[in-house]
Protein backbone atom coordinates (compact mmCIF):
# COMPACT_ATOMS: atom_id res chain seq x y z
CA UNK A 1 13.17 62.13 -56.58
CA UNK A 2 14.33 58.99 -55.21
CA UNK A 3 12.50 57.73 -52.28
CA UNK A 4 15.20 56.23 -50.21
CA UNK A 5 12.69 55.29 -47.16
CA UNK A 6 11.20 52.89 -49.52
CA UNK A 7 12.22 49.38 -48.50
CA UNK A 8 13.26 47.49 -51.01
CA UNK A 9 12.84 43.47 -51.85
CA UNK A 10 15.78 42.66 -49.43
CA UNK A 11 14.54 44.47 -46.14
CA UNK A 12 10.77 43.75 -46.94
CA UNK A 13 12.27 39.86 -46.40
CA UNK A 14 14.18 40.80 -43.48
CA UNK A 15 11.11 42.44 -41.49
CA UNK A 16 8.92 39.77 -42.46
CA UNK A 17 11.47 37.25 -40.67
CA UNK A 18 11.64 39.38 -38.12
CA UNK A 19 8.03 39.68 -37.51
CA UNK A 20 7.91 35.84 -37.69
CA UNK A 21 10.46 35.76 -35.13
CA UNK A 22 8.73 37.73 -32.62
CA UNK A 23 5.68 35.68 -33.10
CA UNK A 24 7.29 32.46 -32.46
CA UNK A 25 8.87 34.03 -29.73
CA UNK A 26 5.40 35.30 -28.12
CA UNK A 27 4.03 32.01 -28.74
CA UNK A 28 7.06 30.60 -26.88
CA UNK A 29 6.43 32.76 -24.02
CA UNK A 30 2.69 32.26 -23.66
CA UNK A 31 3.26 28.14 -23.95
CA UNK A 32 5.51 28.53 -20.67
CA UNK A 33 3.11 30.97 -19.11
CA UNK A 34 0.52 28.62 -19.75
CA UNK A 35 2.64 25.05 -18.98
CA UNK A 36 0.45 24.42 -15.79
CA UNK A 37 -2.39 24.08 -17.81
CA UNK A 38 -0.51 21.60 -20.00
CA UNK A 39 0.64 19.46 -17.07
CA UNK A 40 -2.76 19.18 -16.47
CA UNK A 41 -3.83 18.08 -19.62
CA UNK A 42 -1.50 15.26 -20.47
CA UNK A 43 -2.36 13.93 -16.62
CA UNK A 44 -5.71 13.49 -18.70
CA UNK A 45 -4.37 12.00 -21.38
CA UNK A 46 -2.41 9.46 -18.81
CA UNK A 47 -5.66 8.90 -17.17
CA UNK A 48 -7.83 8.52 -20.64
CA UNK A 49 -5.04 5.77 -21.51
CA UNK A 50 -5.77 3.66 -18.25
CA UNK A 51 -9.22 4.02 -18.66
CA UNK A 52 -9.16 3.08 -22.64
CA UNK A 53 -6.84 0.08 -21.47
CA UNK A 54 -9.56 -1.18 -19.18
CA UNK A 55 -12.30 -0.59 -20.99
CA UNK A 56 -10.49 -2.81 -23.81
CA UNK A 57 -9.77 -5.76 -21.24
CA UNK A 58 -13.69 -5.62 -20.31
CA UNK A 59 -14.46 -5.39 -23.98
CA UNK A 60 -12.37 -8.53 -25.28
CA UNK A 61 -12.55 -10.33 -22.10
CA UNK A 62 -16.15 -9.69 -20.69
CA UNK A 63 -17.38 -9.55 -24.03
CA UNK A 64 -19.58 -5.91 -22.84
CA UNK A 65 -20.67 -3.60 -25.70
CA UNK A 66 -17.93 -0.31 -26.26
CA UNK A 67 -20.21 2.03 -24.42
CA UNK A 68 -20.77 0.00 -21.35
CA UNK A 69 -17.15 -1.15 -21.44
CA UNK A 70 -15.96 2.04 -21.72
CA UNK A 71 -18.36 3.26 -18.91
CA UNK A 72 -17.06 0.23 -16.49
CA UNK A 73 -13.51 1.55 -17.05
CA UNK A 74 -14.26 5.00 -15.84
CA UNK A 75 -16.20 3.20 -13.01
CA UNK A 76 -12.86 1.08 -12.29
CA UNK A 77 -10.86 4.04 -12.82
CA UNK A 78 -13.52 5.97 -10.07
CA UNK A 79 -13.43 2.74 -7.43
CA UNK A 80 -9.07 2.80 -8.04
CA UNK A 81 -8.94 6.72 -7.23
CA UNK A 82 -11.87 6.09 -4.27
CA UNK A 83 -9.65 3.30 -2.77
CA UNK A 84 -6.45 5.30 -2.47
CA UNK A 85 -8.20 8.45 -0.60
CA UNK A 86 -9.59 5.77 1.68
CA UNK A 87 -6.19 4.54 1.86
CA UNK A 88 -4.60 7.38 3.02
CA UNK A 89 -7.73 8.90 5.22
CA UNK A 90 -8.86 5.76 7.15
CA UNK A 91 -6.58 3.14 7.12
CA UNK A 92 -3.01 4.44 7.05
CA UNK A 93 -4.35 8.12 8.37
CA UNK A 94 -2.87 7.42 11.63
CA UNK A 95 0.85 6.20 10.44
CA UNK A 96 0.88 9.15 7.87
CA UNK A 97 0.29 11.78 10.50
CA UNK A 98 2.49 10.50 13.00
CA UNK A 99 5.35 10.47 10.19
CA UNK A 100 3.98 14.50 9.09
CA UNK A 101 4.26 15.23 12.79
CA UNK A 102 7.77 13.51 12.85
CA UNK A 103 9.26 14.88 9.69
CA UNK A 104 10.90 17.78 11.25
CA UNK A 105 12.46 16.05 14.14
CA UNK A 106 13.72 13.25 11.37
CA UNK A 107 15.01 16.08 9.37
CA UNK A 108 16.99 17.30 12.41
CA UNK A 109 18.47 14.11 13.16
CA UNK A 110 19.49 13.58 9.95
CA UNK A 111 21.03 17.27 9.52
CA UNK A 112 22.79 16.39 12.84
CA UNK A 113 24.27 12.91 12.04
CA UNK A 114 25.45 14.17 8.85
CA UNK A 115 26.69 17.29 10.50
CA UNK A 116 29.09 15.37 12.48
CA UNK A 117 31.78 14.90 9.77
CA UNK A 118 33.46 17.63 7.37
CA UNK A 119 32.22 15.94 4.31
CA UNK A 120 28.36 15.77 6.03
CA UNK A 121 28.65 19.10 7.03
CA UNK A 122 29.30 20.01 3.55
CA UNK A 123 26.83 17.91 2.14
CA UNK A 124 23.64 19.70 4.58
CA UNK A 125 24.82 23.16 3.22
CA UNK A 126 24.62 22.16 -0.25
CA UNK A 127 21.57 20.39 -0.30
CA UNK A 128 19.97 23.36 1.71
CA UNK A 129 21.65 25.99 -0.73
CA UNK A 130 20.10 23.84 -3.41
CA UNK A 131 17.13 23.95 -2.60
CA UNK A 132 16.50 27.59 -1.13
CA UNK A 133 14.89 29.29 -3.24
CA UNK A 134 14.16 26.49 -6.35
CA UNK A 135 11.41 25.93 -8.25
CA UNK A 136 10.60 22.59 -6.12
CA UNK A 137 10.65 24.43 -2.78
CA UNK A 138 8.05 26.95 -4.22
CA UNK A 139 5.86 24.09 -5.21
CA UNK A 140 5.94 22.59 -2.33
CA UNK A 141 5.21 25.33 -0.21
CA UNK A 142 2.96 26.71 -2.74
CA UNK A 143 0.96 22.54 -2.30
CA UNK A 144 1.33 22.61 1.77
CA UNK A 145 -0.46 26.40 1.73
CA UNK A 146 -2.68 26.09 -1.42
CA UNK A 147 -4.26 22.23 -0.83
CA UNK A 148 -7.83 24.00 -2.32
CA UNK A 149 -5.68 24.73 -5.41
CA UNK A 150 -3.86 20.74 -5.27
CA UNK A 151 -7.61 19.04 -4.83
CA UNK A 152 -9.02 21.27 -7.78
CA UNK A 153 -6.16 20.23 -10.53
CA UNK A 154 -7.03 16.27 -9.37
CA UNK A 155 -10.22 17.24 -10.22
CA UNK A 156 -9.64 18.50 -13.44
CA UNK A 157 -7.34 15.95 -13.86
CA UNK A 158 -10.38 13.39 -13.46
CA UNK A 159 -12.61 14.59 -15.33
CA UNK A 160 -10.35 16.02 -17.98
CA UNK A 161 -9.57 12.14 -18.84
CA UNK A 162 -13.42 11.02 -18.53
CA UNK A 163 -13.81 13.36 -21.64
CA UNK A 164 -10.89 12.28 -23.25
CA UNK A 165 -11.80 8.56 -22.97
CA UNK A 166 -15.38 9.23 -24.08
CA UNK A 167 -14.16 9.99 -27.37
CA UNK A 168 -10.38 9.76 -28.29
CA UNK A 169 -10.79 9.76 -31.84
CA UNK A 170 -12.45 13.36 -32.19
CA UNK A 171 -9.74 14.67 -30.69
CA UNK A 172 -7.17 12.47 -32.47
CA UNK A 173 -8.82 13.51 -35.41
CA UNK A 174 -8.97 17.37 -34.73
CA UNK A 175 -4.94 17.28 -33.83
CA UNK A 176 -4.66 15.59 -37.36
CA UNK A 177 -6.58 18.10 -39.30
CA UNK A 178 -3.98 20.82 -38.35
CA UNK A 179 -1.08 18.28 -40.21
CA UNK A 180 -1.15 18.58 -44.29
CA UNK A 181 -2.02 16.23 -45.80
CA UNK A 182 0.95 14.58 -47.32
CA UNK A 183 2.07 14.12 -43.81
CA UNK A 184 -0.51 13.34 -42.44
CA UNK A 185 -0.46 9.43 -42.47
CA UNK A 186 2.98 9.64 -40.51
CA UNK A 187 1.60 11.64 -37.81
CA UNK A 188 -1.12 9.41 -37.66
CA UNK A 189 1.37 6.38 -36.87
CA UNK A 190 3.28 8.33 -34.67
CA UNK A 191 0.18 9.06 -32.56
CA UNK A 192 -0.83 5.45 -32.63
CA UNK A 193 2.69 3.86 -31.51
CA UNK A 194 2.78 6.37 -28.82
CA UNK A 195 -0.38 5.65 -27.56
CA UNK A 196 0.65 1.93 -27.15
CA UNK A 197 4.01 2.72 -25.49
CA UNK A 198 2.61 5.25 -22.99
CA UNK A 199 -0.01 2.34 -22.47
CA UNK A 200 2.41 -0.51 -21.77
CA UNK A 201 4.83 2.12 -20.02
CA UNK A 202 1.36 2.37 -17.01
CA UNK A 203 0.93 -1.10 -17.13
CA UNK A 204 4.63 -1.93 -16.16
CA UNK A 205 4.73 1.56 -13.56
CA UNK A 206 1.70 0.06 -11.98
CA UNK A 207 2.98 -3.70 -11.11
CA UNK A 208 6.20 -2.14 -10.26
CA UNK A 209 4.66 0.56 -8.04
CA UNK A 210 2.26 -2.23 -6.59
CA UNK A 211 5.54 -4.71 -6.14
CA UNK A 212 7.88 -1.86 -4.56
CA UNK A 213 5.19 -0.84 -2.19
CA UNK A 214 4.21 -4.53 -1.11
CA UNK A 215 7.97 -5.33 -0.82
CA UNK A 216 9.23 -2.00 1.42
CA UNK A 217 6.69 -2.25 3.23
CA UNK A 218 6.68 -5.54 4.76
CA UNK A 219 10.34 -5.38 4.83
CA UNK A 220 10.23 -2.04 7.07
CA UNK A 221 8.02 -3.58 9.12
CA UNK A 222 10.12 -6.92 10.02
CA UNK A 223 12.94 -4.34 10.43
CA UNK A 224 10.49 -2.60 13.30
CA UNK A 225 10.11 0.52 11.55
CA UNK A 226 7.21 2.67 12.86
CA UNK A 227 4.47 3.74 10.07
CA UNK A 228 6.06 0.74 8.33
CA UNK A 229 2.52 0.72 6.33
CA UNK A 230 2.44 4.18 4.98
CA UNK A 231 6.48 4.41 3.84
CA UNK A 232 5.38 0.95 2.13
CA UNK A 233 2.22 3.23 0.28
CA UNK A 234 4.79 6.19 -0.31
CA UNK A 235 7.62 4.15 -1.60
CA UNK A 236 5.12 2.42 -4.10
CA UNK A 237 3.90 5.85 -5.57
CA UNK A 238 7.46 7.31 -5.68
CA UNK A 239 8.08 4.62 -8.28
CA UNK A 240 5.92 6.36 -10.62
CA UNK A 241 8.97 9.27 -10.81
CA UNK A 242 12.50 6.51 -11.66
CA UNK A 243 15.28 7.33 -9.55
CA UNK A 244 14.59 10.46 -8.15
CA UNK A 245 11.36 9.27 -6.77
CA UNK A 246 12.50 6.07 -4.65
CA UNK A 247 15.48 8.29 -3.71
CA UNK A 248 13.73 10.74 -1.94
CA UNK A 249 10.86 8.04 -0.40
CA UNK A 250 14.12 6.59 1.00
CA UNK A 251 15.34 9.33 3.19
CA UNK A 252 12.16 9.47 5.48
CA UNK A 253 12.06 5.77 6.27
CA UNK A 254 15.66 5.83 6.97
CA UNK A 255 15.43 8.66 9.27
CA UNK A 256 12.20 7.22 11.07
CA UNK A 257 14.45 4.31 11.49
CA UNK A 258 17.42 5.63 12.94
CA UNK A 259 15.17 7.05 15.95
CA UNK A 260 14.55 3.45 17.08
CA UNK A 261 18.72 2.56 17.24
CA UNK A 262 20.88 1.01 14.83
CA UNK A 263 19.56 -2.21 14.27
CA UNK A 264 16.73 -1.41 12.84
CA UNK A 265 18.40 1.45 11.08
CA UNK A 266 20.68 -1.49 9.42
CA UNK A 267 16.91 -3.73 9.02
CA UNK A 268 16.29 -0.38 6.83
CA UNK A 269 19.23 -0.45 4.58
CA UNK A 270 19.22 -3.80 4.23
CA UNK A 271 15.05 -3.60 3.10
CA UNK A 272 16.03 -1.17 0.40
CA UNK A 273 19.03 -2.63 -0.86
CA UNK A 274 17.36 -6.10 -1.32
CA UNK A 275 13.98 -4.49 -2.86
CA UNK A 276 16.09 -2.63 -5.23
CA UNK A 277 17.95 -5.69 -6.15
CA UNK A 278 14.39 -7.73 -6.66
CA UNK A 279 12.88 -4.83 -8.16
CA UNK A 280 16.12 -4.55 -11.07
CA UNK A 281 16.79 -8.18 -11.39
CA UNK A 282 13.79 -9.84 -11.93
CA UNK A 283 10.42 -7.36 -11.51
CA UNK A 284 11.62 -4.67 -14.01
CA UNK A 285 13.01 -6.98 -16.96
CA UNK A 286 9.99 -8.97 -16.88
CA UNK A 287 7.20 -6.38 -16.95
CA UNK A 288 8.83 -3.79 -19.52
CA UNK A 289 9.50 -5.99 -22.37
CA UNK A 290 6.98 -4.01 -24.63
CA UNK A 291 8.02 -0.79 -22.95
CA UNK A 292 10.36 1.50 -25.11
CA UNK A 293 14.04 0.79 -23.48
CA UNK A 294 15.58 4.88 -22.85
CA UNK A 295 19.05 4.92 -21.32
CA UNK A 296 18.97 5.61 -17.76
CA UNK A 297 21.20 8.18 -17.80
CA UNK A 298 19.16 9.89 -20.53
CA UNK A 299 15.90 9.56 -18.27
CA UNK A 300 17.50 10.88 -14.97
CA UNK A 301 18.59 14.20 -16.47
CA UNK A 302 15.69 14.41 -18.44
CA UNK A 303 13.48 14.09 -15.37
CA UNK A 304 15.67 16.34 -13.54
CA UNK A 305 15.59 18.98 -16.77
CA UNK A 306 11.59 18.57 -17.01
CA UNK A 307 11.12 19.26 -13.43
CA UNK A 308 13.66 22.64 -13.85
CA UNK A 309 11.23 24.03 -16.18
CA UNK A 310 8.02 22.76 -15.03
CA UNK A 311 8.39 22.32 -11.25
CA UNK A 312 6.79 19.54 -8.87
CA UNK A 313 3.78 18.80 -10.73
CA UNK A 314 5.38 18.36 -13.74
CA UNK A 315 8.43 16.40 -12.24
CA UNK A 316 5.09 13.67 -11.76
CA UNK A 317 5.06 13.57 -15.08
CA UNK A 318 8.30 13.91 -16.44
CA UNK A 319 8.73 9.77 -16.80
CA UNK A 320 5.93 9.66 -18.93
CA UNK A 321 6.50 13.08 -20.76
CA UNK A 322 9.93 11.93 -21.61
CA UNK A 323 8.34 8.45 -23.10
CA UNK A 324 6.27 10.88 -25.71
CA UNK A 325 9.50 12.62 -26.49
CA UNK A 326 11.45 9.40 -27.07
CA UNK A 327 8.96 7.85 -29.44
CA UNK A 328 7.94 10.54 -30.94
CA UNK A 329 11.66 11.61 -31.91
CA UNK A 330 11.80 7.98 -33.02
CA UNK A 331 8.81 7.90 -35.22
CA UNK A 332 8.99 10.73 -36.82
CA UNK A 333 12.65 11.94 -37.39
CA UNK A 334 14.36 8.96 -37.15
CA UNK A 335 12.13 6.36 -39.07
CA UNK A 336 10.58 9.11 -41.12
CA UNK A 337 12.85 11.37 -42.14
CA UNK A 338 16.24 9.44 -41.52
CA UNK A 339 14.55 6.14 -43.02
CA UNK A 340 15.95 4.19 -40.54
CA UNK A 341 13.94 1.08 -39.00
CA UNK A 342 14.21 0.59 -35.61
CA UNK A 343 12.81 -1.67 -33.24
CA UNK A 344 12.52 -1.34 -29.01
CA UNK A 345 15.65 -3.69 -28.57
CA UNK A 346 17.86 -0.28 -30.69
CA UNK A 347 16.98 1.43 -27.38
CA UNK A 348 19.15 -0.79 -24.87
CA UNK A 349 22.26 -0.11 -23.65
CA UNK A 350 24.97 -1.61 -26.02
CA UNK A 351 22.98 -2.13 -28.60
CA UNK A 352 23.72 -1.17 -32.30
CA UNK A 353 20.48 -2.13 -33.92
CA UNK A 354 19.71 -2.26 -37.34
CA UNK A 355 19.75 0.32 -40.18
CA UNK A 356 17.66 0.22 -43.55
CA UNK A 357 17.84 2.92 -45.33
């Protein structure tokens, strides 16, 4: 008697592929549910890179032993965090409190100013509709309601940074063991290049954040905007998220300036325009000589896409994550798979690059 229900070889191959597909989907779903953990882990990697950069400077310039240089790098990073907390709580605490308490009034004034024209009213309605129920709105509400969770996340990133900075080779070696041996060398080179590009990007961001914060703070103070120091600090920190961060940080400054009259508002607008011109044409080209150049349109929409998927925390690390993706694609796919030999200049707009198969 013919056994018609026993699967043949074609059926077995089909069933095996279906099982593999289901397993892949389950893994993707698990990774998506754990995206918050991966964001914290990525933040720890960035912190570890900063600490290792500091320790390398101590080791090469002060000739400290390796362990003492790593410890000095950790203490320096910890001192920077303490100084930042001190600025927020003590030095600029009163100004920040004034800014936070005035925020609802500022938002109301901006809405009133825009609503005077039909186009402005449409913009207000569109912004409210886009914000209501969005992932970012939910995350902001969660941060306001759960500040303890925010502090815990920051502590996890700091502790994770210290662990990773203490012995990064152990984690790199463990990751490379998951890669087949013939491709292991290529992945090791890609990881090394990614770490170098991230280190250069972080240094460039630190310089741009500092110069942005100082120039905006001084400019707003000269223009007569209240809470100029706190607004300058906010503008400097916002530079970590290219394009989106500085635009968002400009809104409360203009709102506070509007409360002091038209002259102060014009002064604030001139401040941001002048600072942006200096930053774009003088500071950014100088500090980003060794940074991988990603076209602005790709940067903007990639940050928006990453923020939509991961939320507010992911938006904060989106630019750094984009540097990692861009570097790995260039190193592993373009160079190793396609055989192209690219330079950093090849990523600049209008550059065609070298092609050596």
